[in-house]
């Protein structure tokens, strides 16, 4: 029964560390790392959208 519940839950991509013991500087550094990862993911989305748009334009040619 527990295995079924775990299978239905989406897996987390990032590990969620305990933040209680982190200093403010460590928290700010962590936020910076997360923002950099978000930028990397958004850049990949942009590349994939560009490829898709190019393919759609190619196949719409008369």
N, C-alpha and C. Protein backbone atom coordinates (compact mmCIF):
# COMPACT_ATOMS: atom_id res chain seq x y z
N UNK A 1 0.81 -1.19 0.00
CA UNK A 1 0.00 0.00 0.00
C UNK A 1 0.86 1.26 0.00
N UNK A 2 1.90 1.28 0.81
CA UNK A 2 2.79 2.43 0.87
C UNK A 2 3.52 2.61 -0.46
N UNK A 3 3.91 1.50 -1.08
CA UNK A 3 4.62 1.57 -2.36
C UNK A 3 3.75 2.21 -3.43
N UNK A 4 2.44 1.92 -3.42
CA UNK A 4 1.53 2.51 -4.39
C UNK A 4 1.44 4.03 -4.21
N UNK A 5 1.40 4.48 -2.95
CA UNK A 5 1.33 5.91 -2.68
C UNK A 5 2.61 6.60 -3.14
N UNK A 6 3.75 5.97 -2.89
CA UNK A 6 5.02 6.54 -3.30
C UNK A 6 5.13 6.60 -4.82
N UNK A 7 4.59 5.62 -5.51
CA UNK A 7 4.64 5.58 -6.97
C UNK A 7 3.79 6.69 -7.57
N UNK A 8 2.71 7.07 -6.92
CA UNK A 8 1.83 8.11 -7.44
C UNK A 8 2.38 9.51 -7.20
N UNK A 9 3.19 9.68 -6.16
CA UNK A 9 3.75 10.99 -5.86
C UNK A 9 4.84 11.35 -6.87
N UNK A 10 4.82 12.58 -7.39
CA UNK A 10 5.90 12.96 -8.31
C UNK A 10 7.24 13.03 -7.56
N UNK A 11 8.28 12.60 -8.22
CA UNK A 11 9.60 12.63 -7.60
C UNK A 11 10.14 14.05 -7.62
N UNK A 12 10.80 14.43 -6.54
CA UNK A 12 11.42 15.74 -6.49
C UNK A 12 12.75 15.69 -7.21
N UNK A 13 13.03 16.69 -7.97
CA UNK A 13 14.27 16.73 -8.73
C UNK A 13 15.42 17.25 -7.90
N UNK A 14 15.13 18.11 -6.95
CA UNK A 14 16.17 18.67 -6.12
C UNK A 14 16.02 18.19 -4.69
N UNK A 15 17.16 17.97 -4.09
CA UNK A 15 17.16 17.59 -2.68
C UNK A 15 16.77 18.82 -1.87
N UNK A 16 15.93 18.65 -0.86
CA UNK A 16 15.49 19.77 -0.03
C UNK A 16 16.23 19.72 1.30
N UNK A 17 17.31 20.46 1.41
CA UNK A 17 18.09 20.41 2.64
C UNK A 17 17.37 21.08 3.81
N UNK A 18 17.75 20.70 5.01
CA UNK A 18 17.24 21.38 6.20
C UNK A 18 17.97 22.71 6.32
N UNK A 19 17.21 23.78 6.40
CA UNK A 19 17.79 25.11 6.36
C UNK A 19 17.99 25.73 7.75
N UNK A 20 17.48 25.10 8.79
CA UNK A 20 17.51 25.68 10.14
C UNK A 20 18.91 26.05 10.61
N UNK A 21 19.87 25.21 10.33
CA UNK A 21 21.21 25.42 10.86
C UNK A 21 22.09 26.28 9.95
N UNK A 22 21.57 26.71 8.82
CA UNK A 22 22.37 27.50 7.88
C UNK A 22 22.42 28.96 8.31
N UNK A 23 23.55 29.59 8.07
CA UNK A 23 23.68 31.02 8.36
C UNK A 23 23.00 31.81 7.24
N UNK A 24 22.85 33.10 7.48
CA UNK A 24 22.24 33.96 6.46
C UNK A 24 23.10 33.95 5.19
N UNK A 25 24.41 33.98 5.35
CA UNK A 25 25.30 33.95 4.18
C UNK A 25 25.13 32.65 3.40
N UNK A 26 25.00 31.54 4.11
CA UNK A 26 24.81 30.24 3.44
C UNK A 26 23.47 30.21 2.72
N UNK A 27 22.44 30.78 3.33
CA UNK A 27 21.13 30.83 2.70
C UNK A 27 21.16 31.68 1.43
N UNK A 28 21.85 32.81 1.50
CA UNK A 28 21.96 33.67 0.31
C UNK A 28 22.74 32.97 -0.80
N UNK A 29 23.78 32.25 -0.44
CA UNK A 29 24.55 31.50 -1.45
C UNK A 29 23.67 30.42 -2.08
N UNK A 30 22.87 29.76 -1.26
CA UNK A 30 21.97 28.71 -1.75
C UNK A 30 20.95 29.31 -2.72
N UNK A 31 20.42 30.46 -2.38
CA UNK A 31 19.46 31.13 -3.26
C UNK A 31 20.14 31.47 -4.59
N UNK A 32 21.38 31.92 -4.53
CA UNK A 32 22.13 32.21 -5.75
C UNK A 32 22.29 30.98 -6.62
N UNK A 33 22.58 29.84 -6.00
CA UNK A 33 22.71 28.58 -6.74
C UNK A 33 21.38 28.20 -7.38
N UNK A 34 20.30 28.36 -6.66
CA UNK A 34 18.98 28.03 -7.20
C UNK A 34 18.63 28.94 -8.37
N UNK A 35 18.93 30.23 -8.24
CA UNK A 35 18.65 31.16 -9.33
C UNK A 35 19.46 30.80 -10.57
N UNK A 36 20.71 30.41 -10.38
CA UNK A 36 21.54 30.00 -11.51
C UNK A 36 20.95 28.76 -12.19
N UNK A 37 20.43 27.85 -11.41
CA UNK A 37 19.82 26.64 -11.98
C UNK A 37 18.53 26.99 -12.73
N UNK A 38 17.77 27.93 -12.19
CA UNK A 38 16.56 28.39 -12.87
C UNK A 38 16.92 29.01 -14.21
N UNK A 39 17.96 29.84 -14.24
CA UNK A 39 18.40 30.46 -15.49
C UNK A 39 18.84 29.41 -16.50
N UNK A 40 19.52 28.38 -16.02
CA UNK A 40 19.96 27.31 -16.91
C UNK A 40 18.76 26.58 -17.51
N UNK A 41 17.76 26.30 -16.68
CA UNK A 41 16.56 25.61 -17.16
C UNK A 41 15.79 26.48 -18.15
N UNK A 42 15.69 27.79 -17.86
CA UNK A 42 14.98 28.69 -18.76
C UNK A 42 15.71 28.81 -20.10
N UNK A 43 17.04 28.80 -20.08
CA UNK A 43 17.80 28.84 -21.33
C UNK A 43 17.53 27.59 -22.16
N UNK A 44 17.44 26.45 -21.51
CA UNK A 44 17.14 25.20 -22.23
C UNK A 44 15.74 25.24 -22.82
N UNK A 45 14.80 25.79 -22.07
CA UNK A 45 13.44 25.94 -22.60
C UNK A 45 13.47 26.82 -23.84
N UNK A 46 14.23 27.91 -23.79
CA UNK A 46 14.34 28.81 -24.94
C UNK A 46 14.92 28.10 -26.15
N UNK A 47 15.96 27.29 -25.94
CA UNK A 47 16.55 26.53 -27.06
C UNK A 47 15.54 25.55 -27.65
N UNK A 48 14.80 24.87 -26.78
CA UNK A 48 13.84 23.88 -27.28
C UNK A 48 12.68 24.56 -28.01
N UNK A 49 12.23 25.70 -27.49
CA UNK A 49 11.18 26.45 -28.18
C UNK A 49 11.65 26.91 -29.55
N UNK A 50 12.91 27.35 -29.63
CA UNK A 50 13.47 27.82 -30.89
C UNK A 50 13.54 26.68 -31.91
N UNK A 51 13.98 25.52 -31.47
CA UNK A 51 14.05 24.36 -32.37
C UNK A 51 12.66 23.98 -32.87
N UNK A 52 11.70 23.99 -31.96
CA UNK A 52 10.34 23.63 -32.35
C UNK A 52 9.79 24.63 -33.34
N UNK A 53 10.02 25.93 -33.08
CA UNK A 53 9.53 26.96 -34.00
C UNK A 53 10.17 26.82 -35.38
N UNK A 54 11.45 26.51 -35.39
CA UNK A 54 12.14 26.31 -36.68
C UNK A 54 11.55 25.12 -37.43
N UNK A 55 11.30 24.05 -36.72
CA UNK A 55 10.73 22.86 -37.36
C UNK A 55 9.32 23.14 -37.87
N UNK A 56 8.53 23.85 -37.07
CA UNK A 56 7.17 24.17 -37.51
C UNK A 56 7.20 25.06 -38.75
N UNK A 57 8.12 26.02 -38.78
CA UNK A 57 8.22 26.91 -39.94
C UNK A 57 8.66 26.14 -41.17
N UNK A 58 9.57 25.20 -41.01
CA UNK A 58 10.05 24.39 -42.13
C UNK A 58 8.92 23.55 -42.72
N UNK A 59 8.13 22.94 -41.89
CA UNK A 59 7.08 22.05 -42.40
C UNK A 59 5.84 22.80 -42.87
N UNK A 60 5.74 24.09 -42.59
CA UNK A 60 4.62 24.89 -43.08
C UNK A 60 4.90 25.47 -44.46
N UNK A 61 6.11 25.28 -44.95
CA UNK A 61 6.45 25.84 -46.26
C UNK A 61 5.55 25.29 -47.35
N UNK A 62 5.18 26.13 -48.31
CA UNK A 62 4.32 25.63 -49.40
C UNK A 62 5.07 24.77 -50.38
